[in-house]
Amino acid sequence: MAYRNELLAYAVVGLTAAGVLGFGCASIIGADEYKVAGGGPAGPGPTGPTGAGGSDTTTMSTTTGTTGGTGGTTCSGPTPAGQAMCGPGKTCNTDSCGPPLEFACFQAGSVQEGGSCLSKTECAVGLTCLHYNALYACRKLCSVNTDCPAGSLCTETFTCGSNPDTAGKYCAKPCSDVVTPAGSSVCATGFRCNFLCDRDTRAPLPPTCDFEAGTKKSGSCASDDECAPGYYCLGTGADGGSVCTQACRNNADCTTGMCTGTLYCSSVATTYHYCQLSGIP
């Protein structure tokens, strides 16, 4: 699988265990299998307890084919420029994952940005269908920020099948509050505000809504997408296991405990925190 090369954020609360890398992925469905970047703040800190090891925004599609088979005229790629080569009512999309990647014009559907879909041809012109863990949504293809709807940025990339080459980019909606449930209210139903960490600078990247939300506010977990908005899968359990843990800005945000934990990107502290019970890391 091809992944975006970012570190996840970590909970740093103790004096043992080393940090790890963690990634997430998504896929386009239909005859192609695309994978796009995802993930979120979960896992162990560089000096903290072992955690879940990462938040998968999405899982791979069950579709295994790598050729479209229904494309028509060839085009340059899943971008506005590629779409312009196809003519009205069509979208330029991957026809073969290759390598090399091959693109063709496909008849577009009518489902708009954020709408539910089952195949790329159901999405409106210039969009494609992405498969998250449990959700399917049409997303706008882009080359630069001005290609995106108002309030969205051209920040997410994807690959096709096992081909590591970037196949294109799509628009993601920025958000600002990753630590409270209210902060995810700007995101579409089923999604949450979350962030990744830059591989090189170890700094937290600007958060977006392109992360799937779960429902858990407590209990064991394997990844952030099991936890409700404002909660993260962290190694904060009494037995050292990973549990859905409430994030916070101050003590008033905590349903229980105090806002004394800190989320780190590798060794770099973020401004994000989480609630801790007395006597539990």
C-alpha atoms as a PDB file:
ATOM      1  CA  MET A   1       0.000   0.000   0.000  1.00  0.00           C
ATOM      2  CA  ALA A   2       1.167   3.548  -0.647  1.00  0.00           C
ATOM      3  CA  TYR A   3       0.959   5.985   2.207  1.00  0.00           C
ATOM      4  CA  ARG A   4       1.537   9.595   2.887  1.00  0.00           C
ATOM      5  CA  ASN A   5       4.728   9.844   4.925  1.00  0.00           C
ATOM      6  CA  GLU A   6       3.652  11.524   8.131  1.00  0.00           C
ATOM      7  CA  LEU A   7       4.163  10.572  11.732  1.00  0.00           C
ATOM      8  CA  LEU A   8       1.150  10.338  13.942  1.00  0.00           C
ATOM      9  CA  ALA A   9       0.784  12.316  17.133  1.00  0.00           C
ATOM     10  CA  TYR A  10       1.519  10.551  20.373  1.00  0.00           C
ATOM     11  CA  ALA A  11       0.530  10.682  24.001  1.00  0.00           C
ATOM     12  CA  VAL A  12       3.579  11.376  26.132  1.00  0.00           C
ATOM     13  CA  VAL A  13       2.979  10.578  29.773  1.00  0.00           C
ATOM     14  CA  GLY A  14       5.640   8.196  31.112  1.00  0.00           C
ATOM     15  CA  LEU A  15       9.302   7.334  30.848  1.00  0.00           C
ATOM     16  CA  THR A  16       9.269   4.121  28.812  1.00  0.00           C
ATOM     17  CA  ALA A  17       8.659   2.860  25.281  1.00  0.00           C
ATOM     18  CA  ALA A  18       9.700   4.329  21.980  1.00  0.00           C
ATOM     19  CA  GLY A  19       7.560   6.119  19.394  1.00  0.00           C
ATOM     20  CA  VAL A  20       6.363   4.420  16.248  1.00  0.00           C
ATOM     21  CA  LEU A  21       5.155   5.322  12.804  1.00  0.00           C
ATOM     22  CA  GLY A  22       1.507   4.971  11.926  1.00  0.00           C
ATOM     23  CA  PHE A  23      -0.489   5.524   8.766  1.00  0.00           C
ATOM     24  CA  GLY A  24      -3.966   5.246   7.321  1.00  0.00           C
ATOM     25  CA  CYS A  25      -5.303   4.763   3.843  1.00  0.00           C
ATOM     26  CA  ALA A  26      -8.447   4.955   1.728  1.00  0.00           C
ATOM     27  CA  SER A  27      -9.430   3.651  -1.655  1.00  0.00           C
ATOM     28  CA  ILE A  28     -11.527   4.525  -4.614  1.00  0.00           C
ATOM     29  CA  ILE A  29     -14.051   1.866  -5.498  1.00  0.00           C
ATOM     30  CA  GLY A  30     -15.174   0.547  -8.830  1.00  0.00           C
ATOM     31  CA  ALA A  31     -12.704  -1.262 -11.026  1.00  0.00           C
ATOM     32  CA  ASP A  32      -9.821   0.845  -9.731  1.00  0.00           C
ATOM     33  CA  GLU A  33      -8.362   0.774  -6.264  1.00  0.00           C
ATOM     34  CA  TYR A  34      -7.105   4.160  -5.127  1.00  0.00           C
ATOM     35  CA  LYS A  35      -5.505   4.883  -1.783  1.00  0.00           C
ATOM     36  CA  VAL A  36      -5.389   8.292  -0.199  1.00  0.00           C
ATOM     37  CA  ALA A  37      -3.663   9.649   2.868  1.00  0.00           C
ATOM     38  CA  GLY A  38      -5.271   9.426   6.265  1.00  0.00           C
ATOM     39  CA  GLY A  39      -4.498   8.884   9.903  1.00  0.00           C
ATOM     40  CA  GLY A  40      -4.588  10.773  13.143  1.00  0.00           C
ATOM     41  CA  PRO A  41      -3.146  11.316  16.574  1.00  0.00           C
ATOM     42  CA  ALA A  42      -2.979   7.929  18.284  1.00  0.00           C
ATOM     43  CA  GLY A  43      -0.281   5.649  19.595  1.00  0.00           C
ATOM     44  CA  PRO A  44       2.651   5.799  21.984  1.00  0.00           C
ATOM     45  CA  GLY A  45       4.800   8.803  22.703  1.00  0.00           C
ATOM     46  CA  PRO A  46       8.575   8.805  22.316  1.00  0.00           C
ATOM     47  CA  THR A  47       8.804   8.331  26.096  1.00  0.00           C
ATOM     48  CA  GLY A  48       5.239   7.260  26.757  1.00  0.00           C
ATOM     49  CA  PRO A  49       3.188   4.063  27.015  1.00  0.00           C
ATOM     50  CA  THR A  50       2.463   1.805  24.105  1.00  0.00           C
ATOM     51  CA  GLY A  51      -0.716   2.791  22.256  1.00  0.00           C
ATOM     52  CA  ALA A  52      -2.803   1.731  19.339  1.00  0.00           C
ATOM     53  CA  GLY A  53      -0.169   2.538  16.748  1.00  0.00           C
ATOM     54  CA  GLY A  54      -2.265   4.753  14.528  1.00  0.00           C
ATOM     55  CA  SER A  55      -5.637   5.778  13.246  1.00  0.00           C
ATOM     56  CA  ASP A  56      -6.737   4.405   9.905  1.00  0.00           C
ATOM     57  CA  THR A  57      -8.970   6.903   8.242  1.00  0.00           C
ATOM     58  CA  THR A  58      -9.941   4.184   5.824  1.00  0.00           C
ATOM     59  CA  THR A  59      -9.373   0.634   4.769  1.00  0.00           C
ATOM     60  CA  MET A  60      -8.761  -0.792   1.325  1.00  0.00           C
ATOM     61  CA  SER A  61     -11.661  -1.505  -0.979  1.00  0.00           C
ATOM     62  CA  THR A  62     -12.639  -5.133  -1.419  1.00  0.00           C
ATOM     63  CA  THR A  63     -12.370  -4.542  -5.147  1.00  0.00           C
ATOM     64  CA  THR A  64      -9.124  -6.033  -6.406  1.00  0.00           C
ATOM     65  CA  GLY A  65      -9.128  -5.243 -10.106  1.00  0.00           C
ATOM     66  CA  THR A  66      -6.799  -2.636 -11.514  1.00  0.00           C
ATOM     67  CA  THR A  67      -8.329  -1.852 -14.887  1.00  0.00           C
ATOM     68  CA  GLY A  68     -11.436   0.201 -15.561  1.00  0.00           C
ATOM     69  CA  GLY A  69     -12.640  -1.497 -18.681  1.00  0.00           C
ATOM     70  CA  THR A  70     -15.352   1.085 -19.369  1.00  0.00           C
ATOM     71  CA  GLY A  71     -13.315   4.168 -20.133  1.00  0.00           C
ATOM     72  CA  GLY A  72     -13.407   5.848 -23.524  1.00  0.00           C
ATOM     73  CA  THR A  73     -11.052   8.518 -24.862  1.00  0.00           C
ATOM     74  CA  THR A  74      -7.715   8.717 -23.113  1.00  0.00           C
ATOM     75  CA  CYS A  75      -6.936  11.814 -21.030  1.00  0.00           C
ATOM     76  CA  SER A  76      -4.082  13.221 -18.989  1.00  0.00           C
ATOM     77  CA  GLY A  77      -5.232  12.412 -15.439  1.00  0.00           C
ATOM     78  CA  PRO A  78      -7.867  12.938 -12.711  1.00  0.00           C
ATOM     79  CA  THR A  79      -7.590  16.741 -12.740  1.00  0.00           C
ATOM     80  CA  PRO A  80      -9.642  19.633 -14.132  1.00  0.00           C
ATOM     81  CA  ALA A  81      -7.269  19.718 -17.122  1.00  0.00           C
ATOM     82  CA  GLY A  82      -7.811  16.014 -17.740  1.00  0.00           C
ATOM     83  CA  GLN A  83     -11.554  16.472 -17.399  1.00  0.00           C
ATOM     84  CA  ALA A  84     -11.484  19.212 -20.040  1.00  0.00           C
ATOM     85  CA  MET A  85     -10.099  16.643 -22.513  1.00  0.00           C
ATOM     86  CA  CYS A  86     -13.157  14.443 -21.982  1.00  0.00           C
ATOM     87  CA  GLY A  87     -15.973  16.788 -22.886  1.00  0.00           C
ATOM     88  CA  PRO A  88     -19.292  17.502 -21.158  1.00  0.00           C
ATOM     89  CA  GLY A  89     -20.660  14.979 -18.691  1.00  0.00           C
ATOM     90  CA  LYS A  90     -17.446  12.986 -18.305  1.00  0.00           C
ATOM     91  CA  THR A  91     -14.572  12.725 -15.816  1.00  0.00           C
ATOM     92  CA  CYS A  92     -10.967  11.724 -16.444  1.00  0.00           C
ATOM     93  CA  ASN A  93     -10.165   8.818 -14.147  1.00  0.00           C
ATOM     94  CA  THR A  94      -7.791   5.876 -13.849  1.00  0.00           C
ATOM     95  CA  ASP A  95      -8.371   3.160 -16.444  1.00  0.00           C
ATOM     96  CA  SER A  96      -5.377   1.047 -15.383  1.00  0.00           C
ATOM     97  CA  CYS A  97      -3.239   1.246 -12.245  1.00  0.00           C
ATOM     98  CA  GLY A  98      -0.290  -0.131 -14.203  1.00  0.00           C
ATOM     99  CA  PRO A  99       2.416   0.791 -13.801  1.00  0.00           C
ATOM    100  CA  PRO A 100       2.338   2.893 -15.807  1.00  0.00           C
ATOM    101  CA  LEU A 101      -0.894   4.642 -14.844  1.00  0.00           C
ATOM    102  CA  GLU A 102      -3.381   4.948 -17.684  1.00  0.00           C
ATOM    103  CA  PHE A 103      -6.311   7.359 -17.727  1.00  0.00           C
ATOM    104  CA  ALA A 104      -9.554   7.455 -19.676  1.00  0.00           C
ATOM    105  CA  CYS A 105     -12.800   9.420 -19.859  1.00  0.00           C
ATOM    106  CA  PHE A 106     -15.734   7.950 -17.923  1.00  0.00           C
ATOM    107  CA  GLN A 107     -19.367   8.997 -18.031  1.00  0.00           C
ATOM    108  CA  ALA A 108     -20.069  10.882 -14.796  1.00  0.00           C
ATOM    109  CA  GLY A 109     -23.056  10.437 -12.503  1.00  0.00           C
ATOM    110  CA  SER A 110     -24.998  12.953 -10.424  1.00  0.00           C
ATOM    111  CA  VAL A 111     -23.837  12.485  -6.804  1.00  0.00           C
ATOM    112  CA  GLN A 112     -22.304  15.688  -5.500  1.00  0.00           C
ATOM    113  CA  GLU A 113     -19.355  16.376  -3.158  1.00  0.00           C
ATOM    114  CA  GLY A 114     -19.761  14.504   0.122  1.00  0.00           C
ATOM    115  CA  GLY A 115     -22.634  12.379  -1.132  1.00  0.00           C
ATOM    116  CA  SER A 116     -22.773   8.604  -0.699  1.00  0.00           C
ATOM    117  CA  CYS A 117     -21.594   6.468  -3.618  1.00  0.00           C
ATOM    118  CA  LEU A 118     -20.782   2.909  -4.627  1.00  0.00           C
ATOM    119  CA  SER A 119     -18.647   3.516  -7.719  1.00  0.00           C
ATOM    120  CA  LYS A 120     -16.691   6.339  -9.337  1.00  0.00           C
ATOM    121  CA  THR A 121     -19.221   6.620 -12.174  1.00  0.00           C
ATOM    122  CA  GLU A 122     -21.959   7.594  -9.686  1.00  0.00           C
ATOM    123  CA  CYS A 123     -20.138  10.821  -8.795  1.00  0.00           C
ATOM    124  CA  ALA A 124     -20.736  14.067 -10.644  1.00  0.00           C
ATOM    125  CA  VAL A 125     -18.301  15.533 -13.161  1.00  0.00           C
ATOM    126  CA  GLY A 126     -14.849  16.070 -11.665  1.00  0.00           C
ATOM    127  CA  LEU A 127     -15.455  13.864  -8.614  1.00  0.00           C
ATOM    128  CA  THR A 128     -14.550  10.304  -7.652  1.00  0.00           C
ATOM    129  CA  CYS A 129     -15.790   7.798  -5.061  1.00  0.00           C
ATOM    130  CA  LEU A 130     -13.612   7.155  -2.005  1.00  0.00           C
ATOM    131  CA  HIS A 131     -14.098   4.232   0.371  1.00  0.00           C
ATOM    132  CA  TYR A 132     -13.523   4.960   4.031  1.00  0.00           C
ATOM    133  CA  ASN A 133     -13.756   2.259   6.698  1.00  0.00           C
ATOM    134  CA  ALA A 134     -17.529   2.280   6.749  1.00  0.00           C
ATOM    135  CA  LEU A 135     -18.493   5.217   4.550  1.00  0.00           C
ATOM    136  CA  TYR A 136     -18.378   5.957   0.837  1.00  0.00           C
ATOM    137  CA  ALA A 137     -18.228   9.553  -0.384  1.00  0.00           C
ATOM    138  CA  CYS A 138     -17.726  11.475  -3.624  1.00  0.00           C
ATOM    139  CA  ARG A 139     -14.723  13.811  -3.446  1.00  0.00           C
ATOM    140  CA  LYS A 140     -13.644  16.609  -5.788  1.00  0.00           C
ATOM    141  CA  LEU A 141     -10.504  15.981  -7.848  1.00  0.00           C
ATOM    142  CA  CYS A 142      -8.059  18.876  -8.035  1.00  0.00           C
ATOM    143  CA  SER A 143      -4.613  20.173  -8.938  1.00  0.00           C
ATOM    144  CA  VAL A 144      -4.503  23.409  -6.923  1.00  0.00           C
ATOM    145  CA  ASN A 145      -6.580  24.994  -4.143  1.00  0.00           C
ATOM    146  CA  THR A 146      -8.621  27.082  -6.560  1.00  0.00           C
ATOM    147  CA  ASP A 147     -10.027  23.868  -8.058  1.00  0.00           C
ATOM    148  CA  CYS A 148     -11.782  23.109  -4.765  1.00  0.00           C
ATOM    149  CA  PRO A 149     -15.158  24.200  -3.397  1.00  0.00           C
ATOM    150  CA  ALA A 150     -15.191  27.226  -1.111  1.00  0.00           C
ATOM    151  CA  GLY A 151     -13.746  26.277   2.258  1.00  0.00           C
ATOM    152  CA  SER A 152     -11.770  23.270   0.970  1.00  0.00           C
ATOM    153  CA  LEU A 153      -8.106  22.873  -0.007  1.00  0.00           C
ATOM    154  CA  CYS A 154      -6.322  20.603  -2.504  1.00  0.00           C
ATOM    155  CA  THR A 155      -4.237  18.848   0.146  1.00  0.00           C
ATOM    156  CA  GLU A 156      -4.884  15.103  -0.143  1.00  0.00           C
ATOM    157  CA  THR A 157      -3.153  12.716  -2.571  1.00  0.00           C
ATOM    158  CA  PHE A 158      -3.929   9.172  -3.661  1.00  0.00           C
ATOM    159  CA  THR A 159      -2.320   6.255  -5.473  1.00  0.00           C
ATOM    160  CA  CYS A 160      -3.866   3.458  -7.503  1.00  0.00           C
ATOM    161  CA  GLY A 161      -3.592  -0.243  -6.631  1.00  0.00           C
ATOM    162  CA  SER A 162      -0.059  -1.281  -5.716  1.00  0.00           C
ATOM    163  CA  ASN A 163       1.464   1.425  -7.932  1.00  0.00           C
ATOM    164  CA  PRO A 164       3.357   3.821  -5.601  1.00  0.00           C
ATOM    165  CA  ASP A 165       3.170   6.736  -8.046  1.00  0.00           C
ATOM    166  CA  THR A 166       0.772   9.520  -7.089  1.00  0.00           C
ATOM    167  CA  ALA A 167      -2.309   9.289  -9.288  1.00  0.00           C
ATOM    168  CA  GLY A 168      -3.905  12.583  -8.302  1.00  0.00           C
ATOM    169  CA  LYS A 169      -5.210  14.841  -5.560  1.00  0.00           C
ATOM    170  CA  TYR A 170      -8.591  15.604  -4.050  1.00  0.00           C
ATOM    171  CA  CYS A 171     -10.101  18.379  -1.937  1.00  0.00           C
ATOM    172  CA  ALA A 172     -10.305  18.211   1.862  1.00  0.00           C
ATOM    173  CA  LYS A 173     -12.170  20.526   4.213  1.00  0.00           C
ATOM    174  CA  PRO A 174      -9.966  22.297   6.782  1.00  0.00           C
ATOM    175  CA  CYS A 175     -11.063  22.498  10.423  1.00  0.00           C
ATOM    176  CA  SER A 176      -9.507  24.034  13.517  1.00  0.00           C
ATOM    177  CA  ASP A 177     -10.617  22.274  16.714  1.00  0.00           C
ATOM    178  CA  VAL A 178      -9.385  18.669  16.984  1.00  0.00           C
ATOM    179  CA  VAL A 179      -9.896  18.261  20.728  1.00  0.00           C
ATOM    180  CA  THR A 180     -13.618  18.771  21.353  1.00  0.00           C
ATOM    181  CA  PRO A 181     -16.737  17.175  19.851  1.00  0.00           C
ATOM    182  CA  ALA A 182     -17.954  20.643  18.881  1.00  0.00           C
ATOM    183  CA  GLY A 183     -14.845  21.098  16.757  1.00  0.00           C
ATOM    184  CA  SER A 184     -15.962  18.284  14.464  1.00  0.00           C
ATOM    185  CA  SER A 185     -19.419  19.791  13.949  1.00  0.00           C
ATOM    186  CA  VAL A 186     -18.112  21.573  10.831  1.00  0.00           C
ATOM    187  CA  CYS A 187     -17.388  18.170   9.255  1.00  0.00           C
ATOM    188  CA  ALA A 188     -19.870  16.025   7.350  1.00  0.00           C
ATOM    189  CA  THR A 189     -21.848  13.361   9.197  1.00  0.00           C
ATOM    190  CA  GLY A 190     -19.587  10.442  10.070  1.00  0.00           C
ATOM    191  CA  PHE A 191     -16.365  12.456   9.841  1.00  0.00           C
ATOM    192  CA  ARG A 192     -14.217  14.261  12.389  1.00  0.00           C
ATOM    193  CA  CYS A 193     -11.595  16.973  12.690  1.00  0.00           C
ATOM    194  CA  ASN A 194      -8.155  15.381  13.037  1.00  0.00           C
ATOM    195  CA  PHE A 195      -4.501  15.919  12.096  1.00  0.00           C
ATOM    196  CA  LEU A 196      -1.260  14.277  10.992  1.00  0.00           C
ATOM    197  CA  CYS A 197       2.352  15.131  11.795  1.00  0.00           C
ATOM    198  CA  ASP A 198       4.964  16.103   9.231  1.00  0.00           C
ATOM    199  CA  ARG A 199       7.574  13.387   8.669  1.00  0.00           C
ATOM    200  CA  ASP A 200      10.466  15.813   8.382  1.00  0.00           C
ATOM    201  CA  THR A 201       9.672  18.685  10.765  1.00  0.00           C
ATOM    202  CA  ARG A 202       7.647  16.580  13.254  1.00  0.00           C
ATOM    203  CA  ALA A 203       5.219  19.488  13.461  1.00  0.00           C
ATOM    204  CA  PRO A 204       1.444  18.917  13.506  1.00  0.00           C
ATOM    205  CA  LEU A 205      -0.071  19.539  10.080  1.00  0.00           C
ATOM    206  CA  PRO A 206      -3.179  21.683   9.610  1.00  0.00           C
ATOM    207  CA  PRO A 207      -6.206  19.575  10.595  1.00  0.00           C
ATOM    208  CA  THR A 208      -8.900  18.540   8.123  1.00  0.00           C
ATOM    209  CA  CYS A 209     -12.267  16.779   8.173  1.00  0.00           C
ATOM    210  CA  ASP A 210     -11.020  13.856   6.097  1.00  0.00           C
ATOM    211  CA  PHE A 211     -11.048  11.388   9.000  1.00  0.00           C
ATOM    212  CA  GLU A 212     -13.790   8.939   9.846  1.00  0.00           C
ATOM    213  CA  ALA A 213     -15.459   9.211  13.267  1.00  0.00           C
ATOM    214  CA  GLY A 214     -16.441   6.381  15.589  1.00  0.00           C
ATOM    215  CA  THR A 215     -18.796   6.338  18.580  1.00  0.00           C
ATOM    216  CA  LYS A 216     -16.714   5.163  21.564  1.00  0.00           C
ATOM    217  CA  LYS A 217     -16.014   7.516  24.472  1.00  0.00           C
ATOM    218  CA  SER A 218     -14.329   4.824  26.554  1.00  0.00           C
ATOM    219  CA  GLY A 219     -13.133   1.240  26.298  1.00  0.00           C
ATOM    220  CA  SER A 220     -10.424  -0.497  24.323  1.00  0.00           C
ATOM    221  CA  CYS A 221      -9.634   0.525  20.766  1.00  0.00           C
ATOM    222  CA  ALA A 222      -7.283  -0.208  17.912  1.00  0.00           C
ATOM    223  CA  SER A 223      -7.454   3.146  16.084  1.00  0.00           C
ATOM    224  CA  ASP A 224      -8.887   6.657  16.324  1.00  0.00           C
ATOM    225  CA  ASP A 225     -11.718   5.901  13.944  1.00  0.00           C
ATOM    226  CA  GLU A 226     -13.338   3.760  16.647  1.00  0.00           C
ATOM    227  CA  CYS A 227     -13.491   6.774  18.964  1.00  0.00           C
ATOM    228  CA  ALA A 228     -16.048   9.567  18.982  1.00  0.00           C
ATOM    229  CA  PRO A 229     -15.091  13.081  17.838  1.00  0.00           C
ATOM    230  CA  GLY A 230     -12.943  14.667  20.531  1.00  0.00           C
ATOM    231  CA  TYR A 231     -11.600  11.286  21.685  1.00  0.00           C
ATOM    232  CA  TYR A 232      -8.394   9.503  20.636  1.00  0.00           C
ATOM    233  CA  CYS A 233      -7.140   5.940  20.853  1.00  0.00           C
ATOM    234  CA  LEU A 234      -4.250   6.333  23.308  1.00  0.00           C
ATOM    235  CA  GLY A 235      -2.216   4.036  25.518  1.00  0.00           C
ATOM    236  CA  THR A 236      -3.740   5.471  28.678  1.00  0.00           C
ATOM    237  CA  GLY A 237      -5.426   2.369  30.123  1.00  0.00           C
ATOM    238  CA  ALA A 238      -4.607   1.220  33.656  1.00  0.00           C
ATOM    239  CA  ASP A 239      -3.121  -1.964  32.184  1.00  0.00           C
ATOM    240  CA  GLY A 240      -1.202  -0.059  29.533  1.00  0.00           C
ATOM    241  CA  GLY A 241      -3.701  -0.904  26.807  1.00  0.00           C
ATOM    242  CA  SER A 242      -5.143   1.562  24.316  1.00  0.00           C
ATOM    243  CA  VAL A 243      -8.489   3.134  25.147  1.00  0.00           C
ATOM    244  CA  CYS A 244     -10.622   5.928  23.706  1.00  0.00           C
ATOM    245  CA  THR A 245      -9.435   8.951  25.681  1.00  0.00           C
ATOM    246  CA  GLN A 246     -10.975  12.407  25.815  1.00  0.00           C
ATOM    247  CA  ALA A 247      -8.947  15.265  24.355  1.00  0.00           C
ATOM    248  CA  CYS A 248      -9.077  18.731  25.879  1.00  0.00           C
ATOM    249  CA  ARG A 249      -7.920  22.329  25.890  1.00  0.00           C
ATOM    250  CA  ASN A 250      -8.450  22.870  29.611  1.00  0.00           C
ATOM    251  CA  ASN A 251      -9.990  21.139  32.626  1.00  0.00           C
ATOM    252  CA  ALA A 252     -13.474  22.345  31.726  1.00  0.00           C
ATOM    253  CA  ASP A 253     -13.410  20.100  28.623  1.00  0.00           C
ATOM    254  CA  CYS A 254     -12.858  16.934  30.678  1.00  0.00           C
ATOM    255  CA  THR A 255     -15.872  14.824  31.593  1.00  0.00           C
ATOM    256  CA  THR A 256     -13.615  13.067  34.109  1.00  0.00           C
ATOM    257  CA  GLY A 257     -10.031  13.719  35.146  1.00  0.00           C
ATOM    258  CA  MET A 258      -7.833  16.724  34.493  1.00  0.00           C
ATOM    259  CA  CYS A 259      -6.442  18.181  31.271  1.00  0.00           C
ATOM    260  CA  THR A 260      -2.829  17.302  32.044  1.00  0.00           C
ATOM    261  CA  GLY A 261      -1.766  14.967  29.215  1.00  0.00           C
ATOM    262  CA  THR A 262      -0.026  16.232  26.063  1.00  0.00           C
ATOM    263  CA  LEU A 263      -0.096  14.888  22.519  1.00  0.00           C
ATOM    264  CA  TYR A 264       3.295  14.845  20.799  1.00  0.00           C
ATOM    265  CA  CYS A 265       4.455  14.526  17.207  1.00  0.00           C
ATOM    266  CA  SER A 266       7.498  12.342  17.801  1.00  0.00           C
ATOM    267  CA  SER A 267       9.516  14.532  20.208  1.00  0.00           C
ATOM    268  CA  VAL A 268       7.685  17.772  19.362  1.00  0.00           C
ATOM    269  CA  ALA A 269       4.921  18.806  21.755  1.00  0.00           C
ATOM    270  CA  THR A 270       1.674  19.950  20.158  1.00  0.00           C
ATOM    271  CA  THR A 271      -0.847  22.323  21.686  1.00  0.00           C
ATOM    272  CA  TYR A 272      -3.292  19.410  21.948  1.00  0.00           C
ATOM    273  CA  HIS A 273      -3.975  17.761  25.300  1.00  0.00           C
ATOM    274  CA  TYR A 274      -5.998  14.915  26.816  1.00  0.00           C
ATOM    275  CA  CYS A 275      -7.736  14.173  30.110  1.00  0.00           C
ATOM    276  CA  GLN A 276      -5.987  12.068  32.747  1.00  0.00           C
ATOM    277  CA  LEU A 277      -7.359  10.383  35.845  1.00  0.00           C
ATOM    278  CA  SER A 278      -5.352  10.629  39.032  1.00  0.00           C
ATOM    279  CA  GLY A 279      -2.875   7.771  39.266  1.00  0.00           C
ATOM    280  CA  ILE A 280      -3.373   6.650  35.644  1.00  0.00           C
ATOM    281  CA  PRO A 281      -0.869   7.759  32.929  1.00  0.00           C
END
